[in-house]
Amino acid sequence: MNHNMKLTRAVPVLAAAVFLFTGCAKPIEEAYTFPEEGLLSVAADSNGVMLKGFASDLCVPEEDADLNTEGVDAKAYALFSLEDGSVLSQHNIYEKVYPASTTKILTCLIALERGNLDDIVTVPDESNITVSGSSMADLTPGDKLTLRDLLYGLMVPSGNDAAVAIACHISGDVESFAQLMNLEAKKLGATHSNFVNPHGLPDEDHYTTVYDMYLIFNEALKNEEFRKISSTAEYTCTINTAEGSENPVKDVTWSSGNGFLNGSFSFVEDMDILAGKTGHTSAAGFCLVLGESAADGKEYISIVFNAPYYEQLYVSMRNLASKSQ
């Protein structure tokens, strides 16, 4: 590895250290500055040329003020341009909200970064979730399937059982995986969030903000496998069933609850959905995180948290995404 490569990798690590240990609660543009002269010297290559900053490609709202809010009814939302880093619409982007199953964006990202998609995962007993109304992939403890199939079970039908199976496979248990989630979130600058589980079932200590979710989802969109999985409307796989089951294998077909992907609602004309995740609990309301592209190839992230009811979520998201045109 040459000296310049070492410097390039050192910049985000040092920047993150400045952010975490100063306890900075400012938006991302202040989180990754170098206030000390000694650190500034590290941010240059051997020719004295300043290297690209950690947050140089991120959207950085100048202040937490309403912007272009017509037609959107939700507690918190925003529209971010991935082309020029502009924020085209925003409301309460730093306010604490409950993410519900949009939590699974981070769960999926960590599994893709740390897991082997061809690994065979045995569904643990902890995946037997009995919470009323919990979305499930209908997995049974003892079932065996690949991590790849499990990620589709996580993102397409929003399986909470799949989320727990992934957490246990990656970290050994849910608590350890939650620690990993918080470490990953902070590494991305999402410091106003806290995660205690991999699925988003209600917990007062499990929360995020619109801006933090943007930071997490923006990172996830860099992974092509994530885009593929989270834009799938329907997925079929074969599962080796638990020992002692009547049939040794079972074929399952999962369908997306995303109304834009399953055809329940029409999206913005001349725009395509790149990836997305829904979420809903009584505390979180109706939530949706989307990545979309326009006819000119420009890409955007739109986030709606805590819409008051199901249909309004899709009306608001369509109106929000259309503000890019």
Protein backbone atom coordinates (compact mmCIF):
# COMPACT_ATOMS: atom_id res chain seq x y z
CA MET A 1 0.00 0.00 0.00
CA ASN A 2 1.49 3.40 -0.93
CA HIS A 3 1.66 6.43 1.37
CA ASN A 4 -1.16 8.29 -0.38
CA MET A 5 -3.54 5.38 -0.01
CA LYS A 6 -2.85 5.28 3.72
CA LEU A 7 -3.61 8.97 4.02
CA THR A 8 -6.84 8.65 2.08
CA ARG A 9 -8.12 5.98 4.43
CA ALA A 10 -6.95 7.84 7.51
CA VAL A 11 -9.04 10.94 6.84
CA PRO A 12 -12.51 9.52 7.62
CA VAL A 13 -11.21 7.65 10.65
CA LEU A 14 -9.62 10.73 12.16
CA ALA A 15 -12.62 12.83 11.23
CA ALA A 16 -14.96 10.41 12.90
CA ALA A 17 -12.78 10.50 16.00
CA VAL A 18 -13.07 14.30 16.13
CA PHE A 19 -16.83 13.95 15.86
CA LEU A 20 -17.33 11.25 18.46
CA PHE A 21 -15.01 12.49 21.16
CA THR A 22 -16.00 16.14 21.05
CA GLY A 23 -19.65 15.16 21.49
CA CYS A 24 -20.60 17.36 18.56
CA ALA A 25 -24.35 17.43 17.95
CA LYS A 26 -24.14 19.58 14.83
CA PRO A 27 -25.05 18.61 11.26
CA ILE A 28 -22.53 16.70 9.22
CA GLU A 29 -20.63 19.70 7.85
CA GLU A 30 -19.27 20.51 11.31
CA ALA A 31 -18.86 16.91 12.31
CA TYR A 32 -16.05 16.32 9.84
CA THR A 33 -13.99 19.51 10.00
CA PHE A 34 -10.42 19.53 11.29
CA PRO A 35 -10.13 22.22 13.99
CA GLU A 36 -6.55 21.40 14.93
CA GLU A 37 -3.64 22.29 12.66
CA GLY A 38 -1.99 18.93 13.25
CA LEU A 39 -4.98 17.09 11.85
CA LEU A 40 -5.11 19.37 8.82
CA SER A 41 -1.65 18.24 7.85
CA VAL A 42 -2.84 14.63 7.75
CA ALA A 43 -5.63 15.55 5.32
CA ALA A 44 -3.14 16.35 2.53
CA ASP A 45 -1.22 13.98 0.28
CA SER A 46 2.56 13.97 -0.15
CA ASN A 47 2.32 16.85 -2.65
CA GLY A 48 0.36 19.04 -0.27
CA VAL A 49 -2.91 18.59 -2.18
CA MET A 50 -5.94 18.46 0.12
CA LEU A 51 -7.71 15.13 -0.07
CA LYS A 52 -11.45 14.74 -0.55
CA GLY A 53 -13.34 15.11 2.72
CA PHE A 54 -15.45 12.37 4.29
CA ALA A 55 -18.69 14.32 3.88
CA SER A 56 -17.95 16.02 0.56
CA ASP A 57 -20.59 14.00 -1.33
CA LEU A 58 -23.31 14.21 1.33
CA CYS A 59 -26.34 16.45 1.46
CA VAL A 60 -25.83 18.95 4.28
CA PRO A 61 -28.89 21.04 5.21
CA GLU A 62 -27.89 24.51 6.32
CA GLU A 63 -30.52 24.63 9.05
CA ASP A 64 -33.48 22.72 10.38
CA ALA A 65 -36.21 24.78 8.73
CA ASP A 66 -39.21 23.86 6.59
CA LEU A 67 -38.56 23.85 2.86
CA ASN A 68 -40.93 23.11 -0.04
CA THR A 69 -43.49 21.24 2.07
CA GLU A 70 -46.64 21.50 -0.04
CA GLY A 71 -48.53 18.24 -0.54
CA VAL A 72 -46.71 16.22 2.12
CA ASP A 73 -48.50 15.21 5.32
CA ALA A 74 -46.17 13.53 7.83
CA LYS A 75 -44.29 14.26 11.03
CA ALA A 76 -40.87 14.34 9.32
CA TYR A 77 -39.63 14.03 5.75
CA ALA A 78 -37.06 15.17 3.21
CA LEU A 79 -35.93 14.87 -0.39
CA PHE A 80 -32.19 14.69 -1.07
CA SER A 81 -30.39 14.97 -4.43
CA LEU A 82 -27.51 12.54 -4.88
CA GLU A 83 -26.24 14.55 -7.84
CA ASP A 84 -25.37 17.87 -6.25
CA GLY A 85 -25.93 17.31 -2.52
CA SER A 86 -28.91 19.66 -2.38
CA VAL A 87 -31.92 19.24 -0.09
CA LEU A 88 -35.05 19.91 -2.14
CA SER A 89 -37.63 19.53 0.63
CA GLN A 90 -37.42 19.10 4.38
CA HIS A 91 -39.48 19.12 7.57
CA ASN A 92 -38.31 18.10 11.06
CA ILE A 93 -35.29 16.27 9.68
CA TYR A 94 -33.45 16.24 13.01
CA GLU A 95 -36.45 15.34 15.15
CA LYS A 96 -36.47 11.99 16.94
CA VAL A 97 -38.77 9.47 15.22
CA TYR A 98 -39.37 5.74 15.48
CA PRO A 99 -38.18 3.95 12.33
CA ALA A 100 -40.25 0.73 12.55
CA SER A 101 -39.15 -1.68 9.80
CA THR A 102 -37.03 0.88 7.96
CA THR A 103 -34.54 -0.30 10.62
CA LYS A 104 -33.97 -3.27 8.32
CA ILE A 105 -32.06 -1.04 5.90
CA LEU A 106 -29.21 -0.95 8.40
CA THR A 107 -29.60 -4.65 9.20
CA CYS A 108 -29.33 -5.49 5.50
CA LEU A 109 -26.34 -3.20 4.99
CA ILE A 110 -24.38 -4.79 7.84
CA ALA A 111 -25.18 -8.31 6.65
CA LEU A 112 -24.00 -7.46 3.14
CA GLU A 113 -20.78 -5.94 4.47
CA ARG A 114 -19.95 -8.66 7.00
CA GLY A 115 -21.66 -11.83 5.80
CA ASN A 116 -21.16 -14.36 3.00
CA LEU A 117 -24.32 -14.53 0.90
CA ASP A 118 -23.80 -18.24 0.26
CA ASP A 119 -23.61 -19.11 3.97
CA ILE A 120 -26.26 -21.55 5.13
CA VAL A 121 -28.10 -20.06 8.10
CA THR A 122 -30.11 -22.08 10.59
CA VAL A 123 -33.09 -20.11 11.88
CA PRO A 124 -32.68 -19.82 15.68
CA ASP A 125 -35.33 -20.24 18.35
CA GLU A 126 -35.17 -16.47 18.97
CA SER A 127 -36.83 -15.94 15.57
CA ASN A 128 -40.11 -17.25 16.97
CA ILE A 129 -41.61 -13.77 17.51
CA THR A 130 -45.11 -13.70 18.93
CA VAL A 131 -45.76 -9.94 18.99
CA SER A 132 -49.25 -9.23 17.63
CA GLY A 133 -49.16 -7.79 14.11
CA SER A 134 -45.48 -8.57 13.61
CA SER A 135 -44.56 -8.93 9.93
CA MET A 136 -42.98 -12.32 9.32
CA ALA A 137 -41.35 -14.39 6.58
CA ASP A 138 -43.00 -17.52 8.06
CA LEU A 139 -39.71 -19.10 9.04
CA THR A 140 -39.60 -21.94 11.57
CA PRO A 141 -36.73 -22.44 14.02
CA GLY A 142 -34.45 -25.06 12.52
CA ASP A 143 -35.15 -24.05 8.91
CA LYS A 144 -32.00 -23.70 6.81
CA LEU A 145 -31.54 -21.20 3.97
CA THR A 146 -28.79 -19.08 2.49
CA LEU A 147 -28.01 -15.65 3.86
CA ARG A 148 -28.93 -14.30 0.42
CA ASP A 149 -32.43 -15.80 0.65
CA LEU A 150 -32.71 -14.60 4.23
CA LEU A 151 -32.00 -11.02 3.12
CA TYR A 152 -34.87 -11.26 0.66
CA GLY A 153 -37.02 -12.55 3.54
CA LEU A 154 -35.91 -9.49 5.49
CA MET A 155 -36.58 -6.85 2.85
CA VAL A 156 -39.43 -8.17 0.68
CA PRO A 157 -42.06 -9.35 3.22
CA SER A 158 -40.24 -7.44 5.99
CA GLY A 159 -39.74 -10.56 8.07
CA ASN A 160 -38.93 -9.85 11.70
CA ASP A 161 -38.03 -13.52 12.08
CA ALA A 162 -35.53 -13.11 9.23
CA ALA A 163 -34.06 -10.05 10.98
CA VAL A 164 -33.37 -12.00 14.16
CA ALA A 165 -31.88 -14.92 12.21
CA ILE A 166 -29.52 -12.50 10.44
CA ALA A 167 -28.53 -10.81 13.70
CA CYS A 168 -27.73 -14.11 15.37
CA HIS A 169 -25.80 -15.33 12.33
CA ILE A 170 -23.65 -12.20 12.09
CA SER A 171 -23.09 -11.42 15.78
CA GLY A 172 -24.26 -14.42 17.80
CA ASP A 173 -27.21 -12.69 19.43
CA VAL A 174 -29.51 -9.70 19.01
CA GLU A 175 -27.86 -7.55 21.68
CA SER A 176 -24.41 -7.88 20.10
CA PHE A 177 -25.84 -7.12 16.68
CA ALA A 178 -27.55 -3.98 18.02
CA GLN A 179 -24.17 -2.81 19.30
CA LEU A 180 -22.81 -3.36 15.81
CA MET A 181 -25.72 -1.38 14.35
CA ASN A 182 -24.94 1.59 16.57
CA LEU A 183 -21.25 1.40 15.72
CA GLU A 184 -22.05 1.38 11.99
CA ALA A 185 -24.53 4.24 12.36
CA LYS A 186 -22.03 6.44 14.18
CA LYS A 187 -19.36 5.62 11.62
CA LEU A 188 -21.70 7.05 8.99
CA GLY A 189 -22.38 10.18 11.07
CA ALA A 190 -25.83 9.05 12.21
CA THR A 191 -25.26 10.07 15.82
CA HIS A 192 -28.84 11.01 16.71
CA SER A 193 -29.98 7.39 16.39
CA ASN A 194 -30.04 4.41 18.70
CA PHE A 195 -30.92 0.84 17.76
CA VAL A 196 -31.76 -1.98 20.15
CA ASN A 197 -32.99 -4.61 17.68
CA PRO A 198 -32.57 -5.56 14.01
CA HIS A 199 -36.23 -5.28 12.99
CA GLY A 200 -37.75 -2.11 14.47
CA LEU A 201 -40.41 -3.52 16.75
CA PRO A 202 -41.38 -0.82 19.29
CA ASP A 203 -38.91 0.23 21.96
CA GLU A 204 -38.58 3.77 23.33
CA ASP A 205 -34.79 3.44 23.09
CA HIS A 206 -34.96 2.54 19.39
CA TYR A 207 -35.08 5.72 17.30
CA THR A 208 -33.55 7.73 14.47
CA THR A 209 -34.04 10.97 12.51
CA VAL A 210 -34.79 11.63 8.85
CA TYR A 211 -31.27 12.92 8.34
CA ASP A 212 -29.65 9.93 10.05
CA MET A 213 -31.72 7.55 7.93
CA TYR A 214 -30.57 9.44 4.85
CA LEU A 215 -26.95 8.86 5.87
CA ILE A 216 -27.57 5.13 6.39
CA PHE A 217 -29.62 4.65 3.22
CA ASN A 218 -27.15 6.64 1.14
CA GLU A 219 -24.42 4.21 2.19
CA ALA A 220 -26.64 1.21 1.46
CA LEU A 221 -27.38 2.46 -2.06
CA LYS A 222 -23.67 2.14 -2.87
CA ASN A 223 -24.14 -1.64 -2.68
CA GLU A 224 -25.61 -3.09 -5.88
CA GLU A 225 -26.84 -6.20 -4.08
CA PHE A 226 -28.78 -3.98 -1.68
CA ARG A 227 -30.41 -2.18 -4.60
CA LYS A 228 -31.38 -5.48 -6.16
CA ILE A 229 -32.84 -6.99 -3.00
CA SER A 230 -34.71 -3.91 -1.81
CA SER A 231 -36.32 -3.22 -5.19
CA THR A 232 -37.74 -6.74 -5.57
CA ALA A 233 -41.53 -7.04 -5.70
CA GLU A 234 -41.70 -10.83 -5.38
CA TYR A 235 -39.17 -13.52 -4.54
CA THR A 236 -39.36 -17.33 -4.42
CA CYS A 237 -36.86 -19.61 -2.74
CA THR A 238 -36.54 -23.16 -1.41
CA ILE A 239 -35.95 -23.70 2.30
CA ASN A 240 -34.66 -26.87 3.92
CA THR A 241 -37.12 -27.39 6.73
CA ALA A 242 -36.41 -28.08 10.37
CA GLU A 243 -35.48 -31.62 11.31
CA GLY A 244 -38.59 -33.71 11.88
CA SER A 245 -40.78 -31.65 9.58
CA GLU A 246 -43.29 -33.48 7.40
CA ASN A 247 -41.57 -32.29 4.23
CA PRO A 248 -37.76 -31.92 3.91
CA VAL A 249 -38.06 -28.76 1.83
CA LYS A 250 -40.61 -26.02 1.30
CA ASP A 251 -40.95 -23.44 -1.46
CA VAL A 252 -41.94 -19.99 -0.28
CA THR A 253 -42.90 -16.88 -2.23
CA TRP A 254 -42.60 -13.49 -0.59
CA SER A 255 -44.37 -10.37 -1.85
CA SER A 256 -43.37 -6.80 -1.11
CA GLY A 257 -45.54 -4.60 1.08
CA ASN A 258 -44.21 -1.53 -0.73
CA GLY A 259 -47.27 -0.16 -2.54
CA PHE A 260 -45.17 1.31 -5.34
CA LEU A 261 -43.41 -2.01 -6.00
CA ASN A 262 -46.50 -4.23 -5.75
CA GLY A 263 -48.59 -2.00 -8.00
CA SER A 264 -51.06 -0.73 -5.41
CA PHE A 265 -49.99 2.86 -6.09
CA SER A 266 -48.48 4.56 -9.13
CA PHE A 267 -45.18 6.38 -8.70
CA VAL A 268 -44.04 9.63 -10.30
CA GLU A 269 -44.15 9.51 -14.09
CA ASP A 270 -40.72 9.09 -15.73
CA MET A 271 -39.10 8.07 -12.44
CA ASP A 272 -37.92 4.59 -11.42
CA ILE A 273 -37.56 3.15 -7.93
CA LEU A 274 -34.01 2.02 -7.20
CA ALA A 275 -34.55 0.65 -3.70
CA GLY A 276 -36.84 1.10 -0.73
CA LYS A 277 -38.19 -0.05 2.60
CA THR A 278 -41.52 0.46 4.33
CA GLY A 279 -42.26 0.50 8.03
CA HIS A 280 -45.25 0.75 10.33
CA THR A 281 -46.08 0.54 14.02
CA SER A 282 -48.60 2.50 16.05
CA ALA A 283 -45.79 4.61 17.51
CA ALA A 284 -43.95 5.12 14.20
CA GLY A 285 -46.96 5.69 11.98
CA PHE A 286 -46.48 4.84 8.31
CA CYS A 287 -42.92 5.17 7.02
CA LEU A 288 -41.19 4.82 3.68
CA VAL A 289 -37.60 5.29 2.53
CA LEU A 290 -37.00 5.33 -1.24
CA GLY A 291 -34.18 5.74 -3.70
CA GLU A 292 -35.34 6.85 -7.14
CA SER A 293 -33.92 7.92 -10.48
CA ALA A 294 -35.30 10.41 -12.99
CA ALA A 295 -35.34 10.08 -16.77
CA ASP A 296 -32.10 12.08 -16.98
CA GLY A 297 -30.36 9.53 -14.73
CA LYS A 298 -30.20 11.76 -11.65
CA GLU A 299 -30.79 9.93 -8.38
CA TYR A 300 -32.61 11.00 -5.22
CA ILE A 301 -33.46 9.78 -1.75
CA SER A 302 -36.90 10.55 -0.35
CA ILE A 303 -37.91 9.76 3.23
CA VAL A 304 -41.30 10.02 4.91
CA PHE A 305 -41.70 9.18 8.60
CA ASN A 306 -44.92 9.00 10.58
CA ALA A 307 -47.55 9.64 7.93
CA PRO A 308 -50.98 9.50 9.59
CA TYR A 309 -52.42 6.67 7.53
CA TYR A 310 -51.51 4.17 4.82
CA GLU A 311 -52.89 5.86 1.72
CA GLN A 312 -51.52 9.24 2.78
CA LEU A 313 -48.03 7.73 3.00
CA TYR A 314 -48.03 7.02 -0.73
CA VAL A 315 -49.69 10.28 -1.70
CA SER A 316 -47.13 12.19 0.34
CA MET A 317 -44.20 10.17 -1.00
CA ARG A 318 -45.32 10.68 -4.59
CA ASN A 319 -45.72 14.42 -4.02
CA LEU A 320 -42.34 14.56 -2.28
CA ALA A 321 -40.47 12.69 -5.01
CA SER A 322 -42.11 14.84 -7.70
CA LYS A 323 -40.40 17.91 -6.23
CA SER A 324 -37.24 16.74 -7.99
CA GLN A 325 -38.75 17.54 -11.36
